[in-house]
Protein backbone atom coordinates (compact mmCIF):
# COMPACT_ATOMS: atom_id res chain seq x y z
CA MET A 1 18.02 49.00 -7.04
CA THR A 2 15.07 47.03 -5.65
CA GLU A 3 16.11 44.09 -3.51
CA PRO A 4 14.70 40.69 -4.56
CA ARG A 5 11.86 39.49 -2.33
CA ALA A 6 12.51 35.75 -2.55
CA LYS A 7 15.38 34.18 -0.64
CA CYS A 8 15.39 30.73 -2.29
CA VAL A 9 14.44 29.43 -5.74
CA ILE A 10 13.50 25.76 -6.04
CA PHE A 11 13.88 24.49 -9.60
CA ASP A 12 12.41 21.44 -11.23
CA CYS A 13 15.04 19.74 -13.42
CA ASP A 14 13.62 18.24 -16.64
CA GLY A 15 12.22 20.95 -18.87
CA THR A 16 13.19 23.66 -16.39
CA LEU A 17 16.98 23.49 -15.97
CA VAL A 18 17.67 21.09 -18.84
CA ASP A 19 15.92 20.95 -22.22
CA SER A 20 14.84 17.35 -21.91
CA GLU A 21 11.09 17.05 -22.37
CA ARG A 22 11.16 16.45 -26.12
CA LEU A 23 13.88 13.83 -25.59
CA CYS A 24 11.70 12.16 -22.95
CA CYS A 25 8.85 11.95 -25.46
CA LEU A 26 11.19 10.53 -28.11
CA ALA A 27 12.35 7.89 -25.62
CA LEU A 28 8.73 7.03 -24.80
CA CYS A 29 7.93 6.51 -28.49
CA ALA A 30 11.05 4.37 -29.02
CA THR A 31 10.33 2.29 -25.92
CA PHE A 32 6.86 1.26 -27.03
CA LYS A 33 8.09 0.65 -30.57
CA LYS A 34 10.31 -2.08 -29.12
CA PHE A 35 7.12 -3.77 -27.90
CA ASN A 36 5.41 -3.45 -31.31
CA ALA A 37 3.20 -0.50 -30.33
CA THR A 38 2.96 2.78 -32.22
CA LEU A 39 3.12 6.02 -30.27
CA THR A 40 3.55 9.14 -32.38
CA MET A 41 5.55 12.11 -31.19
CA ASP A 42 2.46 14.30 -31.43
CA GLU A 43 0.55 11.91 -29.16
CA ALA A 44 3.40 11.76 -26.65
CA ILE A 45 3.60 15.56 -26.50
CA LYS A 46 -0.18 15.94 -26.25
CA HIS A 47 -0.38 13.76 -23.14
CA PHE A 48 2.84 14.93 -21.51
CA GLU A 49 2.15 16.24 -17.98
CA GLY A 50 5.20 15.20 -15.99
CA GLY A 51 4.87 13.12 -12.84
CA LYS A 52 6.31 9.78 -11.78
CA LEU A 53 7.84 7.70 -14.58
CA ALA A 54 5.94 4.56 -13.58
CA ASP A 55 2.67 6.49 -13.83
CA ILE A 56 3.61 7.87 -17.27
CA LEU A 57 4.45 4.40 -18.55
CA SER A 58 1.30 2.92 -17.02
CA ALA A 59 -0.97 5.56 -18.57
CA THR A 60 0.70 5.18 -21.97
CA LYS A 61 0.46 1.40 -22.04
CA GLN A 62 -3.21 1.62 -21.13
CA ARG A 63 -3.89 4.07 -23.98
CA LEU A 64 -2.03 1.81 -26.41
CA ALA A 65 -3.48 -1.42 -24.97
CA VAL A 66 0.00 -2.86 -24.49
CA ASN A 67 0.25 -5.81 -22.12
CA VAL A 68 3.82 -5.32 -20.88
CA SER A 69 4.81 -4.85 -17.24
CA ILE A 70 6.31 -1.61 -15.96
CA ASP A 71 9.29 -3.66 -14.77
CA LYS A 72 10.08 -4.41 -18.42
CA LEU A 73 9.24 -0.99 -19.81
CA GLU A 74 11.15 1.17 -17.33
CA PRO A 75 14.71 -0.16 -17.88
CA VAL A 76 14.23 0.03 -21.66
CA TYR A 77 13.01 3.60 -21.39
CA ARG A 78 15.87 4.67 -19.12
CA GLU A 79 18.49 3.09 -21.40
CA ILE A 80 17.07 4.84 -24.49
CA LEU A 81 16.74 8.15 -22.66
CA ASP A 82 20.29 7.99 -21.32
CA ALA A 83 21.61 7.57 -24.87
CA LEU A 84 19.54 10.51 -26.10
CA PHE A 85 20.75 12.65 -23.22
CA GLU A 86 24.35 11.75 -24.01
CA GLN A 87 23.91 12.88 -27.61
CA LYS A 88 21.47 15.79 -27.43
CA LEU A 89 20.78 17.15 -23.95
CA LYS A 90 21.26 20.92 -23.60
CA PRO A 91 20.73 23.46 -20.81
CA MET A 92 17.60 25.59 -20.96
CA ASP A 93 18.02 28.96 -22.58
CA GLY A 94 18.89 31.65 -20.05
CA VAL A 95 19.75 29.28 -17.18
CA PHE A 96 23.37 30.35 -16.68
CA GLU A 97 22.45 34.03 -16.75
CA LEU A 98 19.71 33.42 -14.18
CA LEU A 99 22.01 31.45 -11.88
CA ASP A 100 24.62 34.22 -12.07
CA TYR A 101 21.88 36.73 -11.16
CA LEU A 102 20.87 34.64 -8.14
CA GLN A 103 24.47 34.39 -6.97
CA ARG A 104 25.06 38.14 -7.35
CA HIS A 105 21.98 38.89 -5.26
CA GLY A 106 22.65 36.28 -2.57
CA ILE A 107 19.58 34.21 -3.43
CA GLU A 108 19.91 30.52 -2.65
CA TYR A 109 18.64 27.86 -5.03
CA CYS A 110 18.29 24.11 -5.40
CA VAL A 111 16.78 21.47 -7.68
CA ALA A 112 13.85 19.21 -6.74
CA SER A 113 13.07 16.45 -9.25
CA ASN A 114 10.98 13.29 -9.45
CA GLY A 115 13.96 11.47 -10.99
CA PRO A 116 16.57 9.40 -9.16
CA LYS A 117 19.49 11.45 -7.85
CA VAL A 118 21.93 9.72 -10.21
CA LYS A 119 19.78 10.80 -13.18
CA ILE A 120 19.53 14.38 -11.93
CA ARG A 121 23.30 14.59 -11.46
CA ARG A 122 23.89 13.10 -14.89
CA SER A 123 21.58 15.64 -16.54
CA LEU A 124 23.27 18.52 -14.76
CA GLU A 125 26.74 17.16 -15.57
CA LEU A 126 25.99 16.80 -19.30
CA THR A 127 24.78 20.40 -19.49
CA GLY A 128 27.54 22.01 -17.41
CA LEU A 129 25.19 22.80 -14.53
CA LEU A 130 26.45 20.36 -11.92
CA PRO A 131 29.00 22.77 -10.34
CA TYR A 132 26.10 25.12 -9.53
CA PHE A 133 24.04 22.44 -7.79
CA GLU A 134 26.48 20.31 -5.80
CA ASP A 135 24.97 19.57 -2.36
CA ARG A 136 21.63 21.13 -3.36
CA ILE A 137 20.00 18.27 -5.28
CA PHE A 138 16.74 16.80 -3.94
CA SER A 139 15.03 13.74 -5.40
CA ALA A 140 11.56 12.35 -4.85
CA PHE A 141 13.36 9.14 -3.91
CA ASP A 142 14.64 11.02 -0.82
CA THR A 143 11.07 11.59 0.36
CA ASN A 144 9.46 8.48 -1.17
CA SER A 145 6.83 10.88 -2.49
CA TRP A 146 6.50 12.08 -6.08
CA LYS A 147 5.00 15.22 -7.60
CA PRO A 148 2.13 16.15 -7.75
CA GLU A 149 2.38 15.38 -4.01
CA PRO A 150 3.86 18.44 -2.25
CA ASP A 151 6.33 16.61 0.00
CA LEU A 152 9.42 17.05 -2.17
CA VAL A 153 8.94 20.82 -2.45
CA LEU A 154 8.33 21.06 1.31
CA TYR A 155 11.39 18.93 2.04
CA SER A 156 13.58 21.02 -0.26
CA ALA A 157 12.55 24.31 1.36
CA MET A 158 13.03 22.90 4.85
CA THR A 159 16.44 21.41 4.07
CA MET A 160 17.61 24.64 2.47
CA GLY A 161 16.56 26.40 5.68
CA PHE A 162 13.82 28.72 4.40
CA ARG A 163 10.18 29.34 5.24
CA LEU A 164 7.70 28.61 2.47
CA GLU A 165 6.88 32.29 1.99
CA GLU A 166 10.58 32.95 1.31
CA CYS A 167 10.68 30.49 -1.60
CA ILE A 168 9.67 30.43 -5.25
CA TYR A 169 9.14 27.14 -7.05
CA ILE A 170 9.44 26.89 -10.84
CA ASP A 171 8.28 23.98 -13.00
CA ASP A 172 7.05 23.36 -16.54
CA THR A 173 4.48 20.57 -16.15
CA PRO A 174 0.97 20.47 -14.67
CA LYS A 175 1.85 17.84 -12.08
CA GLY A 176 4.98 19.67 -11.02
CA LEU A 177 3.10 22.96 -10.73
CA GLU A 178 0.44 21.24 -8.63
CA ALA A 179 3.15 20.08 -6.23
CA GLY A 180 4.33 23.65 -5.68
CA ILE A 181 0.81 24.99 -5.26
CA ARG A 182 -0.13 22.25 -2.79
CA ALA A 183 3.07 22.96 -0.85
CA GLY A 184 1.94 26.56 -0.40
CA VAL A 185 4.95 28.00 -2.23
CA LYS A 186 4.68 30.81 -4.79
CA THR A 187 4.71 28.79 -8.02
CA VAL A 188 5.84 29.97 -11.45
CA GLN A 189 5.29 28.11 -14.72
CA LEU A 190 8.04 28.01 -17.31
CA VAL A 191 5.91 27.42 -20.42
CA GLY A 192 6.88 23.99 -21.67
CA LEU A 193 6.47 21.43 -24.40
CA ASN A 194 2.68 21.48 -24.82
CA ASP A 195 1.83 24.70 -22.92
CA LYS A 196 -0.24 22.79 -20.34
CA GLY A 197 -0.26 24.55 -17.02
CA HIS A 198 -2.28 24.72 -13.81
CA ASP A 199 -5.22 27.02 -13.20
CA GLN A 200 -3.76 28.19 -9.87
CA THR A 201 -0.27 29.02 -11.13
CA MET A 202 0.77 32.47 -9.93
CA GLN A 203 2.67 33.53 -13.04
CA THR A 204 4.04 32.19 -16.32
CA ILE A 205 7.35 32.91 -18.06
CA ASP A 206 8.71 31.89 -21.46
CA ASN A 207 12.42 32.14 -20.63
CA LEU A 208 14.32 31.66 -17.38
CA ARG A 209 15.74 35.18 -17.57
CA GLN A 210 12.19 36.48 -17.00
CA LEU A 211 12.30 35.04 -13.49
CA GLU A 212 14.44 38.04 -12.52
CA GLN A 213 11.33 40.25 -12.89
CA VAL A 214 9.28 37.81 -10.79
CA LEU A 215 11.91 37.94 -8.06
């Protein structure tokens, strides 16, 4: 049996470990509806690229010409999203099988997300994934630097104790993929909500189980 080449897999969270991107778009639509603005689900999906929440809200309010501060929009969005997560959040297809594969082959792994650590933990808890990721959760709030900046990916690899060439980073959004590429880590796209990727992505997969072949 061929030994896996990578020693550590760095996962994004939303849309990679947990099936959340459509719920995030629903929350975005519902948030702006509360401020008398219409954002359709198709529009939300079309423009979805990941990144920092404040930037997503800012870009959306500019497109809709809504004069509401981010300080008002963000807590509304997070409250709506938390309720949707409580009701509907599920793990991504194939994630448990992949994690079992990594454990059997002695490959380390962690999660690196733009979200606050409390949100990451909550997402993992709701989907049964938290026991796999205790003490290996990294947030952009730890580095004060958000994807597409590479700092979070670099910080995660360093903290896990691996060189960049020993790691694989997997994400589903253009901004997340850019972070991995700029960090100099082999970067794999899990095809996501609107199929947007990055022109320098090394490889694409449609299901997490396919990462076994990449490894």
